[in-house]
């Protein structure tokens, strides 16, 4: 999972990271998956956000390159603009 935001309380906003191929436009392929210390080519599923308790996170395994983080942010912006209201 990729931590999207830490609001400073007991929870984290996260997006799943999977080795499955991208399925929709909101899936962001990790360009430098080896540099991010992932075992396989991976995709961030931006449309599958979740909240998890910090106590469920055992440790940090890696970090996305700056360019991939920027693309995740841009995709989040696009996804949220599509929500009516």
PDB file of N, CA and C in Angstrom:
ATOM      1  N   UNK A   1       0.830  -1.173   0.000  1.00  0.00           N
ATOM      2  CA  UNK A   1       0.000   0.000   0.000  1.00  0.00           C
ATOM      3  C   UNK A   1       0.877   1.240   0.000  1.00  0.00           C
ATOM      4  N   UNK A   2       0.342   2.282  -0.608  1.00  0.00           N
ATOM      5  CA  UNK A   2       1.033   3.564  -0.668  1.00  0.00           C
ATOM      6  C   UNK A   2       0.309   4.525   0.256  1.00  0.00           C
ATOM      7  N   UNK A   3       1.040   5.132   1.184  1.00  0.00           N
ATOM      8  CA  UNK A   3       0.432   6.130   2.057  1.00  0.00           C
ATOM      9  C   UNK A   3       0.234   7.401   1.234  1.00  0.00           C
ATOM     10  N   UNK A   4      -1.031   7.789   1.088  1.00  0.00           N
ATOM     11  CA  UNK A   4      -1.392   8.995   0.352  1.00  0.00           C
ATOM     12  C   UNK A   4      -1.299  10.212   1.259  1.00  0.00           C
ATOM     13  N   UNK A   5      -1.798  10.047   2.506  1.00  0.00           N
ATOM     14  CA  UNK A   5      -1.766  11.184   3.434  1.00  0.00           C
ATOM     15  C   UNK A   5      -1.841  10.703   4.878  1.00  0.00           C
ATOM     16  N   UNK A   6      -1.086  11.372   5.734  1.00  0.00           N
ATOM     17  CA  UNK A   6      -1.145  11.167   7.176  1.00  0.00           C
ATOM     18  C   UNK A   6      -1.744  12.435   7.766  1.00  0.00           C
ATOM     19  N   UNK A   7      -2.962  12.327   8.266  1.00  0.00           N
ATOM     20  CA  UNK A   7      -3.661  13.486   8.810  1.00  0.00           C
ATOM     21  C   UNK A   7      -3.206  13.836  10.226  1.00  0.00           C
ATOM     22  N   UNK A   8      -2.332  13.026  10.798  1.00  0.00           N
ATOM     23  CA  UNK A   8      -1.807  13.314  12.129  1.00  0.00           C
ATOM     24  C   UNK A   8      -2.589  12.648  13.249  1.00  0.00           C
ATOM     25  N   UNK A   9      -3.599  11.842  12.903  1.00  0.00           N
ATOM     26  CA  UNK A   9      -4.330  11.105  13.925  1.00  0.00           C
ATOM     27  C   UNK A   9      -3.879   9.647  13.896  1.00  0.00           C
ATOM     28  N   UNK A  10      -4.774   8.723  14.234  1.00  0.00           N
ATOM     29  CA  UNK A  10      -4.392   7.312  14.297  1.00  0.00           C
ATOM     30  C   UNK A  10      -4.545   6.568  12.976  1.00  0.00           C
ATOM     31  N   UNK A  11      -4.982   7.262  11.923  1.00  0.00           N
ATOM     32  CA  UNK A  11      -5.258   6.618  10.644  1.00  0.00           C
ATOM     33  C   UNK A  11      -4.398   7.176   9.518  1.00  0.00           C
ATOM     34  N   UNK A  12      -4.305   6.388   8.441  1.00  0.00           N
ATOM     35  CA  UNK A  12      -3.617   6.800   7.222  1.00  0.00           C
ATOM     36  C   UNK A  12      -4.561   6.611   6.039  1.00  0.00           C
ATOM     37  N   UNK A  13      -4.492   7.509   5.075  1.00  0.00           N
ATOM     38  CA  UNK A  13      -5.195   7.335   3.808  1.00  0.00           C
ATOM     39  C   UNK A  13      -4.220   6.631   2.876  1.00  0.00           C
ATOM     40  N   UNK A  14      -4.629   5.480   2.321  1.00  0.00           N
ATOM     41  CA  UNK A  14      -3.725   4.659   1.521  1.00  0.00           C
ATOM     42  C   UNK A  14      -4.373   4.258   0.198  1.00  0.00           C
ATOM     43  N   UNK A  15      -3.526   3.874  -0.733  1.00  0.00           N
ATOM     44  CA  UNK A  15      -3.961   3.291  -2.005  1.00  0.00           C
ATOM     45  C   UNK A  15      -3.212   1.971  -2.165  1.00  0.00           C
ATOM     46  N   UNK A  16      -3.892   0.941  -2.657  1.00  0.00           N
ATOM     47  CA  UNK A  16      -3.204  -0.331  -2.847  1.00  0.00           C
ATOM     48  C   UNK A  16      -2.181  -0.274  -3.982  1.00  0.00           C
ATOM     49  N   UNK A  17      -1.142  -1.067  -3.834  1.00  0.00           N
ATOM     50  CA  UNK A  17      -0.128  -1.241  -4.874  1.00  0.00           C
ATOM     51  C   UNK A  17      -0.172  -2.717  -5.249  1.00  0.00           C
ATOM     52  N   UNK A  18      -0.263  -2.998  -6.535  1.00  0.00           N
ATOM     53  CA  UNK A  18      -0.412  -4.373  -7.001  1.00  0.00           C
ATOM     54  C   UNK A  18       0.511  -4.650  -8.181  1.00  0.00           C
ATOM     55  N   UNK A  19       0.815  -5.915  -8.367  1.00  0.00           N
ATOM     56  CA  UNK A  19       1.607  -6.311  -9.528  1.00  0.00           C
ATOM     57  C   UNK A  19       0.708  -6.641 -10.719  1.00  0.00           C
ATOM     58  N   UNK A  20      -0.599  -6.549 -10.540  1.00  0.00           N
ATOM     59  CA  UNK A  20      -1.533  -6.776 -11.639  1.00  0.00           C
ATOM     60  C   UNK A  20      -1.449  -5.620 -12.637  1.00  0.00           C
ATOM     61  N   UNK A  21      -1.756  -5.889 -13.875  1.00  0.00           N
ATOM     62  CA  UNK A  21      -1.685  -4.861 -14.921  1.00  0.00           C
ATOM     63  C   UNK A  21      -2.714  -3.763 -14.664  1.00  0.00           C
ATOM     64  N   UNK A  22      -2.413  -2.573 -15.156  1.00  0.00           N
ATOM     65  CA  UNK A  22      -3.358  -1.457 -15.062  1.00  0.00           C
ATOM     66  C   UNK A  22      -4.641  -1.833 -15.785  1.00  0.00           C
ATOM     67  N   UNK A  23      -5.785  -1.472 -15.164  1.00  0.00           N
ATOM     68  CA  UNK A  23      -7.084  -1.799 -15.745  1.00  0.00           C
ATOM     69  C   UNK A  23      -7.856  -0.575 -16.208  1.00  0.00           C
ATOM     70  N   UNK A  24      -7.649   0.533 -15.510  1.00  0.00           N
ATOM     71  CA  UNK A  24      -8.391   1.755 -15.835  1.00  0.00           C
ATOM     72  C   UNK A  24      -7.437   2.939 -15.835  1.00  0.00           C
ATOM     73  N   UNK A  25      -7.926   4.083 -16.303  1.00  0.00           N
ATOM     74  CA  UNK A  25      -7.079   5.283 -16.417  1.00  0.00           C
ATOM     75  C   UNK A  25      -6.551   5.758 -15.064  1.00  0.00           C
ATOM     76  N   UNK A  26      -7.245   5.435 -13.987  1.00  0.00           N
ATOM     77  CA  UNK A  26      -6.815   5.883 -12.656  1.00  0.00           C
ATOM     78  C   UNK A  26      -5.737   4.985 -12.049  1.00  0.00           C
ATOM     79  N   UNK A  27      -5.333   3.947 -12.741  1.00  0.00           N
ATOM     80  CA  UNK A  27      -4.231   3.108 -12.283  1.00  0.00           C
ATOM     81  C   UNK A  27      -2.914   3.734 -12.752  1.00  0.00           C
ATOM     82  N   UNK A  28      -2.012   3.957 -11.820  1.00  0.00           N
ATOM     83  CA  UNK A  28      -0.736   4.614 -12.129  1.00  0.00           C
ATOM     84  C   UNK A  28       0.389   3.575 -12.072  1.00  0.00           C
ATOM     85  N   UNK A  29       1.002   3.313 -13.219  1.00  0.00           N
ATOM     86  CA  UNK A  29       2.123   2.378 -13.274  1.00  0.00           C
ATOM     87  C   UNK A  29       3.348   3.012 -12.623  1.00  0.00           C
ATOM     88  N   UNK A  30       4.037   2.250 -11.809  1.00  0.00           N
ATOM     89  CA  UNK A  30       5.265   2.715 -11.159  1.00  0.00           C
ATOM     90  C   UNK A  30       6.395   2.566 -12.174  1.00  0.00           C
ATOM     91  N   UNK A  31       6.976   3.682 -12.582  1.00  0.00           N
ATOM     92  CA  UNK A  31       7.984   3.651 -13.643  1.00  0.00           C
ATOM     93  C   UNK A  31       9.300   3.012 -13.182  1.00  0.00           C
ATOM     94  N   UNK A  32       9.726   3.332 -11.977  1.00  0.00           N
ATOM     95  CA  UNK A  32      10.981   2.778 -11.452  1.00  0.00           C
ATOM     96  C   UNK A  32      10.662   1.878 -10.262  1.00  0.00           C
ATOM     97  N   UNK A  33      10.029   0.754 -10.544  1.00  0.00           N
ATOM     98  CA  UNK A  33       9.579  -0.135  -9.468  1.00  0.00           C
ATOM     99  C   UNK A  33      10.752  -0.730  -8.700  1.00  0.00           C
ATOM    100  N   UNK A  34      11.869  -0.961  -9.365  1.00  0.00           N
ATOM    101  CA  UNK A  34      13.032  -1.492  -8.659  1.00  0.00           C
ATOM    102  C   UNK A  34      13.634  -0.439  -7.728  1.00  0.00           C
ATOM    103  N   UNK A  35      13.676   0.812  -8.206  1.00  0.00           N
ATOM    104  CA  UNK A  35      14.164   1.906  -7.365  1.00  0.00           C
ATOM    105  C   UNK A  35      13.257   2.161  -6.176  1.00  0.00           C
ATOM    106  N   UNK A  36      11.970   1.826  -6.335  1.00  0.00           N
ATOM    107  CA  UNK A  36      11.009   1.965  -5.238  1.00  0.00           C
ATOM    108  C   UNK A  36      11.077   0.771  -4.282  1.00  0.00           C
ATOM    109  N   UNK A  37      11.978  -0.175  -4.588  1.00  0.00           N
ATOM    110  CA  UNK A  37      12.191  -1.391  -3.796  1.00  0.00           C
ATOM    111  C   UNK A  37      10.982  -2.330  -3.817  1.00  0.00           C
ATOM    112  N   UNK A  38      10.292  -2.356  -4.960  1.00  0.00           N
ATOM    113  CA  UNK A  38       9.202  -3.311  -5.152  1.00  0.00           C
ATOM    114  C   UNK A  38       9.771  -4.557  -5.818  1.00  0.00           C
ATOM    115  N   UNK A  39       9.143  -5.694  -5.601  1.00  0.00           N
ATOM    116  CA  UNK A  39       9.654  -6.955  -6.142  1.00  0.00           C
ATOM    117  C   UNK A  39       9.296  -7.166  -7.604  1.00  0.00           C
ATOM    118  N   UNK A  40       8.202  -6.547  -8.064  1.00  0.00           N
ATOM    119  CA  UNK A  40       7.700  -6.736  -9.420  1.00  0.00           C
ATOM    120  C   UNK A  40       7.221  -5.410  -9.995  1.00  0.00           C
ATOM    121  N   UNK A  41       7.095  -5.306 -11.321  1.00  0.00           N
ATOM    122  CA  UNK A  41       6.462  -4.116 -11.892  1.00  0.00           C
ATOM    123  C   UNK A  41       5.093  -3.933 -11.229  1.00  0.00           C
ATOM    124  N   UNK A  42       4.768  -2.714 -10.844  1.00  0.00           N
ATOM    125  CA  UNK A  42       3.584  -2.484 -10.019  1.00  0.00           C
ATOM    126  C   UNK A  42       2.758  -1.299 -10.477  1.00  0.00           C
ATOM    127  N   UNK A  43       1.529  -1.280  -9.983  1.00  0.00           N
ATOM    128  CA  UNK A  43       0.549  -0.248 -10.297  1.00  0.00           C
ATOM    129  C   UNK A  43      -0.072   0.237  -8.993  1.00  0.00           C
ATOM    130  N   UNK A  44      -0.269   1.554  -8.870  1.00  0.00           N
ATOM    131  CA  UNK A  44      -1.005   2.125  -7.741  1.00  0.00           C
ATOM    132  C   UNK A  44      -2.453   2.264  -8.178  1.00  0.00           C
ATOM    133  N   UNK A  45      -3.361   1.664  -7.444  1.00  0.00           N
ATOM    134  CA  UNK A  45      -4.791   1.711  -7.754  1.00  0.00           C
ATOM    135  C   UNK A  45      -5.409   2.917  -7.034  1.00  0.00           C
ATOM    136  N   UNK A  46      -5.335   4.067  -7.676  1.00  0.00           N
ATOM    137  CA  UNK A  46      -5.767   5.323  -7.069  1.00  0.00           C
ATOM    138  C   UNK A  46      -7.260   5.323  -6.751  1.00  0.00           C
ATOM    139  N   UNK A  47      -8.060   4.594  -7.525  1.00  0.00           N
ATOM    140  CA  UNK A  47      -9.511   4.596  -7.309  1.00  0.00           C
ATOM    141  C   UNK A  47      -9.932   3.729  -6.125  1.00  0.00           C
ATOM    142  N   UNK A  48      -9.008   3.057  -5.477  1.00  0.00           N
ATOM    143  CA  UNK A  48      -9.319   2.144  -4.371  1.00  0.00           C
ATOM    144  C   UNK A  48      -8.792   2.661  -3.038  1.00  0.00           C
ATOM    145  N   UNK A  49      -8.970   3.948  -2.770  1.00  0.00           N
ATOM    146  CA  UNK A  49      -8.478   4.530  -1.524  1.00  0.00           C
ATOM    147  C   UNK A  49      -9.144   3.881  -0.314  1.00  0.00           C
ATOM    148  N   UNK A  50      -8.398   3.825   0.771  1.00  0.00           N
ATOM    149  CA  UNK A  50      -8.908   3.258   2.019  1.00  0.00           C
ATOM    150  C   UNK A  50      -8.255   3.982   3.193  1.00  0.00           C
ATOM    151  N   UNK A  51      -8.869   3.850   4.333  1.00  0.00           N
ATOM    152  CA  UNK A  51      -8.303   4.348   5.574  1.00  0.00           C
ATOM    153  C   UNK A  51      -7.900   3.148   6.406  1.00  0.00           C
ATOM    154  N   UNK A  52      -6.679   3.160   6.893  1.00  0.00           N
ATOM    155  CA  UNK A  52      -6.207   2.071   7.757  1.00  0.00           C
ATOM    156  C   UNK A  52      -5.600   2.669   9.020  1.00  0.00           C
ATOM    157  N   UNK A  53      -5.688   1.912  10.084  1.00  0.00           N
ATOM    158  CA  UNK A  53      -5.080   2.334  11.344  1.00  0.00           C
ATOM    159  C   UNK A  53      -3.560   2.252  11.214  1.00  0.00           C
ATOM    160  N   UNK A  54      -2.885   3.254  11.743  1.00  0.00           N
ATOM    161  CA  UNK A  54      -1.419   3.241  11.711  1.00  0.00           C
ATOM    162  C   UNK A  54      -0.854   1.991  12.384  1.00  0.00           C
ATOM    163  N   UNK A  55      -1.565   1.485  13.364  1.00  0.00           N
ATOM    164  CA  UNK A  55      -1.090   0.297  14.076  1.00  0.00           C
ATOM    165  C   UNK A  55      -1.055  -0.940  13.176  1.00  0.00           C
ATOM    166  N   UNK A  56      -1.735  -0.889  12.025  1.00  0.00           N
ATOM    167  CA  UNK A  56      -1.730  -2.011  11.080  1.00  0.00           C
ATOM    168  C   UNK A  56      -0.519  -1.973  10.141  1.00  0.00           C
ATOM    169  N   UNK A  57       0.229  -0.892  10.168  1.00  0.00           N
ATOM    170  CA  UNK A  57       1.387  -0.738   9.291  1.00  0.00           C
ATOM    171  C   UNK A  57       2.630  -1.148  10.071  1.00  0.00           C
ATOM    172  N   UNK A  58       3.273  -2.203   9.604  1.00  0.00           N
ATOM    173  CA  UNK A  58       4.424  -2.743  10.332  1.00  0.00           C
ATOM    174  C   UNK A  58       5.697  -1.933  10.093  1.00  0.00           C
ATOM    175  N   UNK A  59       5.938  -1.557   8.809  1.00  0.00           N
ATOM    176  CA  UNK A  59       7.166  -0.828   8.501  1.00  0.00           C
ATOM    177  C   UNK A  59       7.081  -0.251   7.094  1.00  0.00           C
ATOM    178  N   UNK A  60       7.998   0.638   6.800  1.00  0.00           N
ATOM    179  CA  UNK A  60       8.113   1.219   5.467  1.00  0.00           C
ATOM    180  C   UNK A  60       8.998   0.300   4.635  1.00  0.00           C
ATOM    181  N   UNK A  61       8.499  -0.071   3.459  1.00  0.00           N
ATOM    182  CA  UNK A  61       9.269  -0.979   2.609  1.00  0.00           C
ATOM    183  C   UNK A  61      10.045  -0.262   1.517  1.00  0.00           C
ATOM    184  N   UNK A  62       9.578   0.887   1.099  1.00  0.00           N
ATOM    185  CA  UNK A  62      10.225   1.607   0.014  1.00  0.00           C
ATOM    186  C   UNK A  62       9.583   2.962  -0.172  1.00  0.00           C
ATOM    187  N   UNK A  63       9.899   3.609  -1.281  1.00  0.00           N
ATOM    188  CA  UNK A  63       9.350   4.928  -1.579  1.00  0.00           C
ATOM    189  C   UNK A  63       9.257   5.098  -3.091  1.00  0.00           C
ATOM    190  N   UNK A  64       8.164   5.700  -3.539  1.00  0.00           N
ATOM    191  CA  UNK A  64       8.014   5.955  -4.972  1.00  0.00           C
ATOM    192  C   UNK A  64       8.907   7.105  -5.406  1.00  0.00           C
ATOM    193  N   UNK A  65       9.429   7.042  -6.614  1.00  0.00           N
ATOM    194  CA  UNK A  65      10.193   8.165  -7.153  1.00  0.00           C
ATOM    195  C   UNK A  65       9.294   9.403  -7.256  1.00  0.00           C
ATOM    196  N   UNK A  66       9.901  10.569  -7.233  1.00  0.00           N
ATOM    197  CA  UNK A  66       9.176  11.837  -7.263  1.00  0.00           C
ATOM    198  C   UNK A  66       8.208  11.930  -8.437  1.00  0.00           C
ATOM    199  N   UNK A  67       8.620  11.500  -9.617  1.00  0.00           N
ATOM    200  CA  UNK A  67       7.760  11.568 -10.794  1.00  0.00           C
ATOM    201  C   UNK A  67       6.514  10.712 -10.646  1.00  0.00           C
ATOM    202  N   UNK A  68       6.663   9.522 -10.083  1.00  0.00           N
ATOM    203  CA  UNK A  68       5.515   8.650  -9.861  1.00  0.00           C
ATOM    204  C   UNK A  68       4.586   9.244  -8.810  1.00  0.00           C
ATOM    205  N   UNK A  69       5.144   9.817  -7.757  1.00  0.00           N
ATOM    206  CA  UNK A  69       4.311  10.473  -6.741  1.00  0.00           C
ATOM    207  C   UNK A  69       3.521  11.623  -7.349  1.00  0.00           C
ATOM    208  N   UNK A  70       4.151  12.374  -8.231  1.00  0.00           N
ATOM    209  CA  UNK A  70       3.454  13.482  -8.895  1.00  0.00           C
ATOM    210  C   UNK A  70       2.310  12.961  -9.752  1.00  0.00           C
ATOM    211  N   UNK A  71       2.533  11.855 -10.460  1.00  0.00           N
ATOM    212  CA  UNK A  71       1.462  11.281 -11.291  1.00  0.00           C
ATOM    213  C   UNK A  71       0.320  10.739 -10.439  1.00  0.00           C
ATOM    214  N   UNK A  72       0.631  10.174  -9.280  1.00  0.00           N
ATOM    215  CA  UNK A  72      -0.419   9.729  -8.358  1.00  0.00           C
ATOM    216  C   UNK A  72      -1.227  10.945  -7.901  1.00  0.00           C
ATOM    217  N   UNK A  73      -0.556  12.034  -7.553  1.00  0.00           N
ATOM    218  CA  UNK A  73      -1.249  13.253  -7.134  1.00  0.00           C
ATOM    219  C   UNK A  73      -2.139  13.825  -8.226  1.00  0.00           C
ATOM    220  N   UNK A  74      -1.629  13.863  -9.445  1.00  0.00           N
ATOM    221  CA  UNK A  74      -2.415  14.359 -10.579  1.00  0.00           C
ATOM    222  C   UNK A  74      -3.639  13.478 -10.823  1.00  0.00           C
ATOM    223  N   UNK A  75      -3.448  12.172 -10.707  1.00  0.00           N
ATOM    224  CA  UNK A  75      -4.559  11.242 -10.908  1.00  0.00           C
ATOM    225  C   UNK A  75      -5.599  11.390  -9.803  1.00  0.00           C
ATOM    226  N   UNK A  76      -5.151  11.577  -8.570  1.00  0.00           N
ATOM    227  CA  UNK A  76      -6.085  11.830  -7.467  1.00  0.00           C
ATOM    228  C   UNK A  76      -6.919  13.075  -7.742  1.00  0.00           C
ATOM    229  N   UNK A  77      -6.282  14.130  -8.211  1.00  0.00           N
ATOM    230  CA  UNK A  77      -6.999  15.364  -8.531  1.00  0.00           C
ATOM    231  C   UNK A  77      -8.060  15.101  -9.586  1.00  0.00           C
ATOM    232  N   UNK A  78      -7.713  14.375 -10.624  1.00  0.00           N
ATOM    233  CA  UNK A  78      -8.653  14.049 -11.697  1.00  0.00           C
ATOM    234  C   UNK A  78      -9.821  13.225 -11.165  1.00  0.00           C
ATOM    235  N   UNK A  79      -9.521  12.223 -10.344  1.00  0.00           N
ATOM    236  CA  UNK A  79     -10.571  11.359  -9.788  1.00  0.00           C
ATOM    237  C   UNK A  79     -11.532  12.177  -8.926  1.00  0.00           C
ATOM    238  N   UNK A  80     -10.999  13.030  -8.065  1.00  0.00           N
ATOM    239  CA  UNK A  80     -11.868  13.805  -7.180  1.00  0.00           C
ATOM    240  C   UNK A  80     -12.687  14.845  -7.924  1.00  0.00           C
ATOM    241  N   UNK A  81     -12.194  15.350  -9.036  1.00  0.00           N
ATOM    242  CA  UNK A  81     -12.970  16.296  -9.852  1.00  0.00           C
ATOM    243  C   UNK A  81     -14.182  15.628 -10.483  1.00  0.00           C
ATOM    244  N   UNK A  82     -14.142  14.297 -10.626  1.00  0.00           N
ATOM    245  CA  UNK A  82     -15.253  13.570 -11.234  1.00  0.00           C
ATOM    246  C   UNK A  82     -16.380  13.288 -10.239  1.00  0.00           C
ATOM    247  N   UNK A  83     -16.139  13.535  -8.958  1.00  0.00           N
ATOM    248  CA  UNK A  83     -17.164  13.270  -7.944  1.00  0.00           C
ATOM    249  C   UNK A  83     -18.147  14.442  -7.929  1.00  0.00           C
ATOM    250  N   UNK A  84     -19.433  14.154  -8.133  1.00  0.00           N
ATOM    251  CA  UNK A  84     -20.415  15.241  -8.136  1.00  0.00           C
ATOM    252  C   UNK A  84     -20.556  15.865  -6.753  1.00  0.00           C
ATOM    253  N   UNK A  85     -20.899  17.137  -6.764  1.00  0.00           N
ATOM    254  CA  UNK A  85     -21.142  17.768  -5.484  1.00  0.00           C
ATOM    255  C   UNK A  85     -20.604  19.108  -5.436  1.00  0.00           C
TER     256      UNK A  85
END
